[in-house]
Amino acid sequence: MSEKEFRKIFSQRGKSLRAMGSPEWALSKEDALQAIASLRGSGRAILGGQAVLFDADGRPSYDLTAIWTSPRFDATSSWQSFASRTHNLAENYVSNYRDPEHPESYFAFSTASEEQYRNLPTKKG
């Protein structure tokens, strides 16, 4: 699979979060797991994500207790190894997430290539 497949899954099956003022899209659990699998071997890491809940009227909101982030990349391992670890972390999080009040939870992700990651601003001080 590939980053192209990842984007296709989001564009074809994602739910827009524009109602929240966000340009992101969210995927159902099944689609999120497929999207994560599509990134394996692509060189793209999943930096983190969040569960998204939709009310009866279809309005989205973030589950503020359901956020995950990947550990920072360090140069002691390869980028591919780091990316693989982030895929595993995302897959475990999505697979194990449960909200009894919202059985059909959705998930949004932040991803980056190695070049994009290295150009992210860093915290000072």
N, C-alpha and C. Protein backbone atom coordinates (compact mmCIF):
# COMPACT_ATOMS: atom_id res chain seq x y z
N MET A 1 0.84 -1.18 0.00
CA MET A 1 0.00 0.00 0.00
C MET A 1 0.89 1.24 0.00
N SER A 2 0.24 2.41 0.09
CA SER A 2 1.01 3.64 -0.08
C SER A 2 0.29 4.83 0.53
N GLU A 3 1.02 5.94 0.53
CA GLU A 3 0.41 7.20 0.98
C GLU A 3 -0.77 7.56 0.08
N LYS A 4 -0.67 7.25 -1.20
CA LYS A 4 -1.76 7.52 -2.14
C LYS A 4 -3.02 6.77 -1.71
N GLU A 5 -2.86 5.50 -1.33
CA GLU A 5 -3.99 4.69 -0.86
C GLU A 5 -4.56 5.29 0.43
N PHE A 6 -3.68 5.74 1.32
CA PHE A 6 -4.10 6.38 2.57
C PHE A 6 -5.01 7.57 2.28
N ARG A 7 -4.56 8.45 1.38
CA ARG A 7 -5.35 9.64 1.03
C ARG A 7 -6.66 9.26 0.35
N LYS A 8 -6.63 8.21 -0.45
CA LYS A 8 -7.85 7.75 -1.13
C LYS A 8 -8.89 7.28 -0.11
N ILE A 9 -8.43 6.55 0.90
CA ILE A 9 -9.35 6.07 1.94
C ILE A 9 -10.01 7.27 2.62
N PHE A 10 -9.22 8.28 2.98
CA PHE A 10 -9.78 9.47 3.63
C PHE A 10 -10.74 10.21 2.71
N SER A 11 -10.38 10.38 1.46
CA SER A 11 -11.23 11.16 0.55
C SER A 11 -12.52 10.44 0.20
N GLN A 12 -12.48 9.12 0.14
CA GLN A 12 -13.67 8.37 -0.24
C GLN A 12 -14.57 7.99 0.94
N ARG A 13 -13.97 7.79 2.11
CA ARG A 13 -14.75 7.28 3.24
C ARG A 13 -14.72 8.16 4.48
N GLY A 14 -13.93 9.23 4.44
CA GLY A 14 -13.80 10.08 5.62
C GLY A 14 -15.01 10.98 5.84
N LYS A 15 -15.20 11.34 7.09
CA LYS A 15 -16.23 12.31 7.47
C LYS A 15 -15.54 13.63 7.74
N SER A 16 -16.04 14.68 7.13
CA SER A 16 -15.44 16.01 7.28
C SER A 16 -15.63 16.54 8.70
N LEU A 17 -14.61 17.26 9.17
CA LEU A 17 -14.68 17.90 10.47
C LEU A 17 -14.81 19.42 10.31
N ARG A 18 -15.21 19.88 9.13
CA ARG A 18 -15.36 21.32 8.88
C ARG A 18 -16.34 21.98 9.84
N ALA A 19 -17.35 21.24 10.27
CA ALA A 19 -18.34 21.79 11.21
C ALA A 19 -17.69 22.21 12.53
N MET A 20 -16.50 21.69 12.80
CA MET A 20 -15.75 22.04 14.01
C MET A 20 -14.71 23.12 13.71
N GLY A 21 -14.66 23.56 12.45
CA GLY A 21 -13.65 24.53 12.06
C GLY A 21 -12.32 23.88 11.75
N SER A 22 -12.32 22.59 11.49
CA SER A 22 -11.10 21.84 11.22
C SER A 22 -11.08 21.38 9.76
N PRO A 23 -9.92 21.44 9.12
CA PRO A 23 -9.83 20.93 7.75
C PRO A 23 -9.65 19.41 7.70
N GLU A 24 -9.60 18.76 8.86
CA GLU A 24 -9.32 17.33 8.92
C GLU A 24 -10.54 16.50 8.53
N TRP A 25 -10.26 15.22 8.35
CA TRP A 25 -11.28 14.21 8.09
C TRP A 25 -11.10 13.11 9.12
N ALA A 26 -12.17 12.41 9.44
CA ALA A 26 -12.11 11.31 10.39
C ALA A 26 -12.63 10.04 9.73
N LEU A 27 -12.09 8.92 10.17
CA LEU A 27 -12.47 7.62 9.62
C LEU A 27 -13.07 6.72 10.69
N SER A 28 -13.98 5.84 10.27
CA SER A 28 -14.51 4.83 11.17
C SER A 28 -13.37 3.93 11.63
N LYS A 29 -13.59 3.15 12.67
CA LYS A 29 -12.55 2.27 13.19
C LYS A 29 -12.02 1.34 12.10
N GLU A 30 -12.92 0.71 11.36
CA GLU A 30 -12.51 -0.21 10.30
C GLU A 30 -11.67 0.49 9.24
N ASP A 31 -12.14 1.66 8.80
CA ASP A 31 -11.40 2.41 7.78
C ASP A 31 -10.09 2.97 8.33
N ALA A 32 -10.08 3.37 9.60
CA ALA A 32 -8.85 3.88 10.21
C ALA A 32 -7.79 2.78 10.25
N LEU A 33 -8.18 1.57 10.60
CA LEU A 33 -7.22 0.46 10.62
C LEU A 33 -6.71 0.15 9.22
N GLN A 34 -7.57 0.25 8.22
CA GLN A 34 -7.13 0.05 6.84
C GLN A 34 -6.18 1.16 6.41
N ALA A 35 -6.47 2.40 6.81
CA ALA A 35 -5.61 3.54 6.46
C ALA A 35 -4.23 3.38 7.10
N ILE A 36 -4.20 2.95 8.35
CA ILE A 36 -2.92 2.72 9.03
C ILE A 36 -2.13 1.65 8.27
N ALA A 37 -2.79 0.57 7.92
CA ALA A 37 -2.12 -0.51 7.18
C ALA A 37 -1.57 0.00 5.84
N SER A 38 -2.30 0.93 5.22
CA SER A 38 -1.86 1.46 3.92
C SER A 38 -0.56 2.25 4.03
N LEU A 39 -0.26 2.77 5.20
CA LEU A 39 0.95 3.57 5.38
C LEU A 39 2.19 2.72 5.63
N ARG A 40 2.00 1.47 5.99
CA ARG A 40 3.16 0.61 6.29
C ARG A 40 4.07 0.54 5.07
N GLY A 41 5.33 0.81 5.28
CA GLY A 41 6.31 0.76 4.21
C GLY A 41 6.33 2.01 3.33
N SER A 42 5.51 3.01 3.65
CA SER A 42 5.42 4.21 2.82
C SER A 42 6.45 5.27 3.19
N GLY A 43 7.08 5.11 4.36
CA GLY A 43 8.01 6.13 4.83
C GLY A 43 7.31 7.28 5.53
N ARG A 44 6.04 7.14 5.79
CA ARG A 44 5.26 8.19 6.45
C ARG A 44 4.92 7.71 7.86
N ALA A 45 5.17 8.55 8.86
CA ALA A 45 4.88 8.22 10.26
C ALA A 45 3.54 8.82 10.68
N ILE A 46 2.92 8.22 11.66
CA ILE A 46 1.70 8.75 12.26
C ILE A 46 2.13 9.42 13.56
N LEU A 47 2.07 10.74 13.59
CA LEU A 47 2.57 11.48 14.74
C LEU A 47 1.60 11.48 15.91
N GLY A 48 0.34 11.21 15.64
CA GLY A 48 -0.65 11.16 16.69
C GLY A 48 -2.04 11.17 16.09
N GLY A 49 -3.01 11.17 16.96
CA GLY A 49 -4.38 11.16 16.49
C GLY A 49 -5.35 11.38 17.63
N GLN A 50 -6.61 11.37 17.27
CA GLN A 50 -7.63 11.65 18.25
C GLN A 50 -8.94 10.98 17.83
N ALA A 51 -9.67 10.52 18.84
CA ALA A 51 -11.01 9.99 18.57
C ALA A 51 -11.95 11.16 18.33
N VAL A 52 -12.87 10.96 17.42
CA VAL A 52 -13.87 11.97 17.08
C VAL A 52 -15.24 11.32 17.25
N LEU A 53 -16.12 12.02 17.92
CA LEU A 53 -17.46 11.52 18.17
C LEU A 53 -18.47 12.37 17.39
N PHE A 54 -19.50 11.74 16.89
CA PHE A 54 -20.56 12.45 16.17
C PHE A 54 -21.86 12.31 16.95
N ASP A 55 -22.57 13.44 17.14
CA ASP A 55 -23.84 13.37 17.85
C ASP A 55 -24.93 12.88 16.90
N ALA A 56 -26.16 12.78 17.42
CA ALA A 56 -27.27 12.26 16.63
C ALA A 56 -27.54 13.10 15.39
N ASP A 57 -27.18 14.38 15.43
CA ASP A 57 -27.38 15.26 14.27
C ASP A 57 -26.19 15.25 13.32
N GLY A 58 -25.18 14.43 13.61
CA GLY A 58 -24.01 14.33 12.76
C GLY A 58 -22.95 15.38 13.01
N ARG A 59 -23.09 16.15 14.11
CA ARG A 59 -22.08 17.16 14.44
C ARG A 59 -20.92 16.49 15.16
N PRO A 60 -19.69 16.76 14.70
CA PRO A 60 -18.53 16.13 15.31
C PRO A 60 -18.01 16.89 16.52
N SER A 61 -17.35 16.16 17.40
CA SER A 61 -16.62 16.77 18.51
C SER A 61 -15.46 15.83 18.85
N TYR A 62 -14.36 16.42 19.31
CA TYR A 62 -13.22 15.60 19.73
C TYR A 62 -13.50 15.01 21.10
N ASP A 63 -13.07 13.78 21.30
CA ASP A 63 -13.06 13.20 22.64
C ASP A 63 -11.75 13.65 23.26
N LEU A 64 -11.81 14.64 24.12
CA LEU A 64 -10.59 15.25 24.66
C LEU A 64 -9.81 14.32 25.58
N THR A 65 -10.42 13.20 25.94
CA THR A 65 -9.69 12.22 26.75
C THR A 65 -9.06 11.14 25.88
N ALA A 66 -9.25 11.24 24.58
CA ALA A 66 -8.80 10.17 23.68
C ALA A 66 -7.84 10.71 22.63
N ILE A 67 -6.68 11.14 23.10
CA ILE A 67 -5.64 11.66 22.22
C ILE A 67 -4.41 10.79 22.40
N TRP A 68 -3.73 10.45 21.32
CA TRP A 68 -2.45 9.77 21.46
C TRP A 68 -1.41 10.48 20.62
N THR A 69 -0.19 10.43 21.10
CA THR A 69 0.94 10.99 20.35
C THR A 69 2.05 9.96 20.32
N SER A 70 2.81 10.00 19.28
CA SER A 70 3.96 9.10 19.14
C SER A 70 5.16 9.72 19.83
N PRO A 71 6.05 8.89 20.35
CA PRO A 71 7.28 9.44 20.93
C PRO A 71 8.08 10.13 19.83
N ARG A 72 8.90 11.08 20.23
CA ARG A 72 9.72 11.81 19.25
C ARG A 72 10.74 10.88 18.60
N PHE A 73 11.04 11.18 17.37
CA PHE A 73 12.06 10.44 16.62
C PHE A 73 13.43 10.80 17.18
N ASP A 74 14.26 9.80 17.37
CA ASP A 74 15.65 10.07 17.73
C ASP A 74 16.55 9.36 16.72
N ALA A 75 17.69 9.90 16.52
CA ALA A 75 18.59 9.41 15.47
C ALA A 75 19.23 8.06 15.78
N THR A 76 18.87 7.44 16.90
CA THR A 76 19.46 6.14 17.23
C THR A 76 18.80 5.01 16.45
N SER A 77 17.70 5.29 15.78
CA SER A 77 17.04 4.28 14.95
C SER A 77 16.77 4.87 13.57
N SER A 78 16.43 4.02 12.64
CA SER A 78 16.14 4.51 11.29
C SER A 78 14.74 5.13 11.26
N TRP A 79 14.51 5.96 10.27
CA TRP A 79 13.19 6.57 10.10
C TRP A 79 12.14 5.48 9.86
N GLN A 80 12.48 4.48 9.05
CA GLN A 80 11.52 3.39 8.77
C GLN A 80 11.13 2.66 10.05
N SER A 81 12.10 2.44 10.93
CA SER A 81 11.81 1.78 12.20
C SER A 81 10.90 2.66 13.05
N PHE A 82 11.18 3.95 13.09
CA PHE A 82 10.33 4.89 13.82
C PHE A 82 8.92 4.89 13.24
N ALA A 83 8.82 4.99 11.92
CA ALA A 83 7.50 5.02 11.27
C ALA A 83 6.72 3.75 11.60
N SER A 84 7.39 2.62 11.56
CA SER A 84 6.74 1.35 11.88
C SER A 84 6.22 1.34 13.32
N ARG A 85 7.00 1.86 14.25
CA ARG A 85 6.55 1.94 15.65
C ARG A 85 5.31 2.83 15.77
N THR A 86 5.29 3.94 15.01
CA THR A 86 4.12 4.83 15.09
C THR A 86 2.88 4.16 14.51
N HIS A 87 3.06 3.35 13.48
CA HIS A 87 1.92 2.62 12.91
C HIS A 87 1.38 1.63 13.93
N ASN A 88 2.30 0.93 14.61
CA ASN A 88 1.88 -0.04 15.64
C ASN A 88 1.13 0.67 16.77
N LEU A 89 1.64 1.80 17.21
CA LEU A 89 1.00 2.55 18.28
C LEU A 89 -0.41 2.99 17.86
N ALA A 90 -0.53 3.54 16.67
CA ALA A 90 -1.84 3.99 16.18
C ALA A 90 -2.80 2.81 16.05
N GLU A 91 -2.31 1.72 15.50
CA GLU A 91 -3.16 0.53 15.32
C GLU A 91 -3.65 0.01 16.67
N ASN A 92 -2.76 -0.08 17.65
CA ASN A 92 -3.16 -0.53 18.99
C ASN A 92 -4.17 0.41 19.62
N TYR A 93 -3.94 1.72 19.47
CA TYR A 93 -4.85 2.69 20.06
C TYR A 93 -6.24 2.56 19.44
N VAL A 94 -6.31 2.59 18.14
CA VAL A 94 -7.61 2.52 17.44
C VAL A 94 -8.31 1.20 17.75
N SER A 95 -7.58 0.10 17.72
CA SER A 95 -8.17 -1.22 17.97
C SER A 95 -8.76 -1.32 19.37
N ASN A 96 -8.11 -0.70 20.35
CA ASN A 96 -8.53 -0.84 21.74
C ASN A 96 -9.46 0.26 22.24
N TYR A 97 -9.67 1.31 21.45
CA TYR A 97 -10.51 2.43 21.89
C TYR A 97 -11.96 1.96 22.00
N ARG A 98 -12.58 2.30 23.13
CA ARG A 98 -13.99 1.97 23.36
C ARG A 98 -14.65 3.16 24.04
N ASP A 99 -15.80 3.54 23.53
CA ASP A 99 -16.64 4.53 24.18
C ASP A 99 -18.05 3.97 24.16
N PRO A 100 -18.54 3.49 25.31
CA PRO A 100 -19.84 2.83 25.33
C PRO A 100 -20.99 3.74 24.87
N GLU A 101 -20.82 5.05 25.01
CA GLU A 101 -21.88 5.97 24.59
C GLU A 101 -21.83 6.26 23.09
N HIS A 102 -20.69 5.97 22.46
CA HIS A 102 -20.52 6.23 21.02
C HIS A 102 -19.88 4.99 20.38
N PRO A 103 -20.66 3.94 20.15
CA PRO A 103 -20.06 2.71 19.62
C PRO A 103 -19.43 2.88 18.24
N GLU A 104 -19.85 3.88 17.49
CA GLU A 104 -19.26 4.13 16.17
C GLU A 104 -18.33 5.33 16.24
N SER A 105 -17.21 5.15 16.88
CA SER A 105 -16.23 6.22 17.00
C SER A 105 -15.44 6.36 15.70
N TYR A 106 -14.91 7.56 15.50
CA TYR A 106 -14.10 7.88 14.32
C TYR A 106 -12.75 8.38 14.79
N PHE A 107 -11.78 8.43 13.87
CA PHE A 107 -10.42 8.79 14.23
C PHE A 107 -9.81 9.71 13.20
N ALA A 108 -9.09 10.72 13.69
CA ALA A 108 -8.33 11.65 12.84
C ALA A 108 -6.86 11.44 13.15
N PHE A 109 -5.99 11.62 12.16
CA PHE A 109 -4.55 11.39 12.30
C PHE A 109 -3.75 12.59 11.84
N SER A 110 -2.54 12.70 12.39
CA SER A 110 -1.53 13.62 11.87
C SER A 110 -0.37 12.75 11.39
N THR A 111 0.05 12.96 10.15
CA THR A 111 1.14 12.17 9.59
C THR A 111 2.23 13.09 9.05
N ALA A 112 3.40 12.52 8.84
CA ALA A 112 4.50 13.31 8.27
C ALA A 112 5.53 12.38 7.63
N SER A 113 6.14 12.88 6.57
CA SER A 113 7.30 12.20 5.99
C SER A 113 8.51 12.57 6.85
N GLU A 114 9.62 11.92 6.62
CA GLU A 114 10.83 12.27 7.37
C GLU A 114 11.21 13.73 7.15
N GLU A 115 11.15 14.19 5.92
CA GLU A 115 11.51 15.58 5.62
C GLU A 115 10.57 16.56 6.32
N GLN A 116 9.28 16.29 6.27
CA GLN A 116 8.32 17.17 6.96
C GLN A 116 8.58 17.17 8.45
N TYR A 117 8.85 16.01 9.01
CA TYR A 117 9.10 15.89 10.44
C TYR A 117 10.32 16.71 10.86
N ARG A 118 11.38 16.59 10.09
CA ARG A 118 12.61 17.32 10.43
C ARG A 118 12.44 18.83 10.31
N ASN A 119 11.45 19.27 9.54
CA ASN A 119 11.20 20.71 9.39
C ASN A 119 10.12 21.25 10.33
N LEU A 120 9.60 20.40 11.21
CA LEU A 120 8.62 20.89 12.18
C LEU A 120 9.29 21.82 13.17
N PRO A 121 8.58 22.85 13.61
CA PRO A 121 9.17 23.72 14.63
C PRO A 121 9.38 22.92 15.92
N THR A 122 10.43 23.24 16.63
CA THR A 122 10.70 22.57 17.91
C THR A 122 10.46 23.54 19.04
N LYS A 123 10.10 22.97 20.17
CA LYS A 123 9.90 23.79 21.37
C LYS A 123 11.24 24.29 21.88
N LYS A 124 11.28 25.52 22.27
CA LYS A 124 12.50 26.10 22.85
C LYS A 124 12.29 26.28 24.35
N GLY A 125 13.36 26.02 25.09
CA GLY A 125 13.39 26.34 26.50
C GLY A 125 12.61 25.46 27.33
